[in-house]
Protein backbone atom coordinates (compact mmCIF):
# COMPACT_ATOMS: atom_id res chain seq x y z
CA MET A 1 3.45 -46.31 43.30
CA ASP A 2 -0.02 -44.95 42.73
CA VAL A 3 -0.39 -41.21 43.00
CA THR A 4 -3.86 -39.74 42.93
CA VAL A 5 -4.34 -36.79 40.69
CA ILE A 6 -5.09 -33.74 42.82
CA ASP A 7 -3.85 -30.92 40.62
CA GLN A 8 -2.69 -30.21 37.09
CA ALA A 9 1.01 -30.39 37.95
CA THR A 10 0.61 -33.90 39.35
CA ALA A 11 -1.39 -34.92 36.30
CA VAL A 12 1.23 -33.58 33.90
CA THR A 13 4.04 -35.25 35.85
CA LYS A 14 2.25 -38.60 35.88
CA LEU A 15 1.44 -38.39 32.15
CA THR A 16 5.01 -37.51 31.15
CA THR A 17 6.45 -40.20 33.42
CA THR A 18 4.30 -42.91 31.85
CA ARG A 19 5.00 -41.56 28.36
CA ASP A 20 8.74 -41.74 28.98
CA ALA A 21 8.48 -45.23 30.49
CA LEU A 22 6.61 -46.42 27.40
CA ALA A 23 9.22 -44.85 25.11
CA VAL A 24 12.01 -46.65 26.98
CA ALA A 25 10.12 -49.95 26.77
CA VAL A 26 9.55 -49.50 23.03
CA ASP A 27 13.26 -48.74 22.53
CA ARG A 28 14.19 -51.91 24.40
CA LEU A 29 11.75 -53.91 22.27
CA THR A 30 13.24 -52.46 19.11
CA LYS A 31 16.76 -53.35 20.23
CA ALA A 32 15.72 -56.88 21.24
CA THR A 33 13.94 -57.42 17.92
CA ASP A 34 16.93 -56.08 15.98
CA ALA A 35 19.24 -58.40 17.92
CA LEU A 36 17.01 -61.37 17.13
CA VAL A 37 16.89 -60.49 13.43
CA ASP A 38 20.66 -60.03 13.33
CA LEU A 39 21.13 -63.41 14.98
CA ILE A 40 18.83 -65.12 12.47
CA VAL A 41 20.67 -63.48 9.58
CA GLU A 42 23.98 -64.59 11.11
CA VAL A 43 23.04 -68.17 12.02
CA ARG A 44 21.03 -69.25 8.99
CA PRO A 45 23.77 -69.02 6.35
CA GLN A 46 26.14 -71.05 8.55
CA GLY A 47 23.95 -74.13 8.04
CA LEU A 48 24.09 -75.08 11.71
CA LEU A 49 20.33 -75.35 12.20
CA THR A 50 17.38 -76.02 9.95
CA VAL A 51 14.61 -73.46 9.76
CA ASP A 52 12.41 -75.77 11.84
CA GLU A 53 15.08 -76.01 14.54
CA MET A 54 15.49 -72.24 14.55
CA ALA A 55 11.73 -71.77 14.86
CA THR A 56 11.57 -74.29 17.70
CA ALA A 57 14.36 -72.47 19.54
CA MET A 58 12.43 -69.21 19.29
CA GLY A 59 9.02 -70.70 20.03
CA ARG A 60 7.65 -69.46 16.70
CA ASP A 61 6.66 -71.12 13.46
CA ARG A 62 9.01 -71.57 10.53
CA ASN A 63 7.23 -68.89 8.50
CA TYR A 64 8.44 -66.30 11.02
CA VAL A 65 12.06 -67.30 10.43
CA ASP A 66 11.57 -67.38 6.65
CA ARG A 67 9.88 -63.99 6.67
CA LEU A 68 12.69 -62.39 8.66
CA TRP A 69 15.29 -64.03 6.44
CA SER A 70 13.51 -62.81 3.31
CA LEU A 71 13.29 -59.26 4.65
CA HIS A 72 16.79 -58.96 6.10
CA GLY A 73 18.94 -61.80 4.75
CA SER A 74 20.83 -61.89 1.50
CA THR A 75 18.23 -63.28 -0.88
CA THR A 76 17.62 -63.01 -4.59
CA LYS A 77 14.07 -62.19 -5.61
CA GLY A 78 12.35 -65.14 -7.19
CA GLN A 79 14.95 -67.70 -6.13
CA GLN A 80 14.67 -70.33 -3.47
CA THR A 81 16.44 -69.46 -0.23
CA ARG A 82 17.15 -73.00 0.92
CA ILE A 83 20.39 -73.36 2.83
CA PRO A 84 21.40 -76.96 3.39
CA VAL A 85 22.42 -78.08 6.84
CA THR A 86 25.68 -79.91 6.35
CA GLU A 87 26.38 -83.25 7.98
CA GLN A 88 29.74 -82.03 9.29
CA THR A 89 28.24 -79.37 11.55
CA SER A 90 29.50 -79.45 15.07
CA ALA A 91 26.90 -80.49 17.61
CA VAL A 92 28.41 -78.02 20.06
CA ALA A 93 28.18 -75.13 17.57
CA ALA A 94 24.61 -76.09 16.67
CA ARG A 95 23.63 -76.23 20.35
CA LYS A 96 25.28 -72.86 20.98
CA ALA A 97 23.38 -71.31 18.06
CA TYR A 98 20.14 -72.88 19.34
CA ASP A 99 20.74 -71.45 22.83
CA PHE A 100 21.59 -67.99 21.43
CA LEU A 101 18.35 -67.97 19.44
CA ALA A 102 16.32 -69.12 22.44
CA THR A 103 17.88 -66.43 24.64
CA ALA A 104 17.31 -63.68 22.06
CA ALA A 105 13.70 -64.77 21.54
CA GLU A 106 13.09 -64.78 25.30
CA ALA A 107 14.58 -61.28 25.59
CA GLN A 108 12.25 -60.10 22.83
CA ARG A 109 9.24 -61.67 24.58
CA LYS A 110 10.13 -59.99 27.86
CA ALA A 111 10.58 -56.65 26.09
CA LEU A 112 7.17 -57.08 24.46
CA GLU A 113 5.60 -57.79 27.85
CA ALA A 114 7.25 -54.64 29.23
CA VAL A 115 5.76 -52.59 26.38
CA THR A 116 2.33 -54.06 27.06
CA LEU A 117 2.57 -53.23 30.76
CA ALA A 118 3.87 -49.71 30.11
CA ARG A 119 1.08 -49.07 27.61
CA ALA A 120 -1.53 -50.33 30.08
CA GLU A 121 -0.13 -48.04 32.78
CA ARG A 122 -0.15 -45.07 30.39
CA ASN A 123 -3.76 -45.82 29.47
CA ARG A 124 -4.72 -46.09 33.14
CA VAL A 125 -3.18 -42.69 33.88
CA VAL A 126 -4.85 -41.15 30.81
CA VAL A 127 -8.24 -42.41 31.98
CA MET A 128 -7.59 -41.21 35.53
CA VAL A 129 -6.63 -37.70 34.38
CA TYR A 130 -9.41 -37.51 31.80
CA SER A 131 -12.09 -38.52 34.27
CA SER A 132 -10.75 -36.05 36.88
CA LYS A 133 -11.51 -33.15 34.48
CA LEU A 134 -8.23 -31.44 35.37
CA LEU A 135 -6.95 -31.41 31.79
CA ARG A 136 -8.75 -31.45 28.50
CA ASN A 137 -8.12 -34.24 26.05
CA SER A 138 -5.82 -32.04 23.93
CA ALA A 139 -3.60 -31.26 26.92
CA ILE A 140 -3.61 -34.92 27.95
CA ALA A 141 -2.60 -35.88 24.42
CA VAL A 142 0.33 -33.46 24.43
CA HIS A 143 1.72 -34.76 27.71
CA ALA A 144 0.99 -38.45 27.02
CA GLY A 145 2.44 -38.36 23.51
CA ILE A 146 -0.71 -39.57 21.76
CA ASP A 147 -3.41 -38.11 19.53
CA ARG A 148 -6.28 -36.29 21.27
CA ASN A 149 -8.82 -38.59 19.64
CA HIS A 150 -6.90 -41.55 21.02
CA VAL A 151 -7.41 -40.13 24.52
CA LEU A 152 -11.16 -40.44 23.93
CA ARG A 153 -10.79 -43.98 22.54
CA ILE A 154 -8.79 -45.03 25.61
CA ALA A 155 -11.36 -43.49 27.95
CA ARG A 156 -14.31 -45.08 26.19
CA LYS A 157 -12.57 -48.47 26.19
CA ALA A 158 -12.16 -48.11 29.96
CA GLY A 159 -15.87 -47.34 30.32
CA VAL A 160 -15.54 -43.60 30.92
CA GLY A 161 -18.03 -41.57 28.94
CA PRO A 162 -17.42 -38.12 27.49
CA VAL A 163 -16.42 -35.64 30.16
CA TYR A 164 -17.78 -32.13 29.91
CA ARG A 165 -16.30 -29.29 31.88
CA SER A 166 -18.73 -26.99 33.62
CA ASP A 167 -16.67 -23.85 32.91
CA THR A 168 -16.73 -24.34 29.14
CA VAL A 169 -18.89 -22.13 26.99
CA ASN A 170 -19.41 -22.78 23.30
CA GLN A 171 -21.62 -21.36 20.57
CA TYR A 172 -24.55 -23.56 21.54
CA THR A 173 -24.54 -23.22 25.33
CA GLY A 174 -24.37 -19.48 25.36
C-alpha cells in the first residue's frame, strides 16, 4: 500500500507506521535469536550432536556455535569446552535435536529478512518525506525514531541531495 505524501499528517502517519513495523520486526528477531541461543545451550550439553552437526543444521560455521556457547553456556574461563558425543545417543533424539536447530535457525533467518525489509521501507518513507519538504529532518527523525543526522545519511544514500526550504531565514540569508 503506497500512499503519497500530500500533507504533514500523512507524512507523520506514514513515518510512525514504518517505525512501529520496524520495532515489531526487531522484537521478533530478538525473540528468534534468543530461542536459537537457548536451544544451543540446551542441546549441546546433552551430547546428541557434535558442534559440526549443529552448525550444519543451522547453516552456519562451527565458530558461530562455539561463540554462542562461550557467551551463554556454562563454561569456565580458560578451560576447554569440549563435550563428547556419546555412542549411546539415540538416533531419533539426535535427529529431533537437529530438526529443532534447523527450524530455529530458519525462523531467525526469516526474522532477519523481515527486519531488512522493514528497515528498507522506513528508509524509503524517510526519503519520500524528506524530499517532499513537508517536514524538516529533525521532525522526520522524531517520528521515524532515528537521529536527525541519520535522516540526511539515508537521503544521501538514496541520491537525494540536501533539501532547503524556501521559507527558512537564517543569519546568512537575511
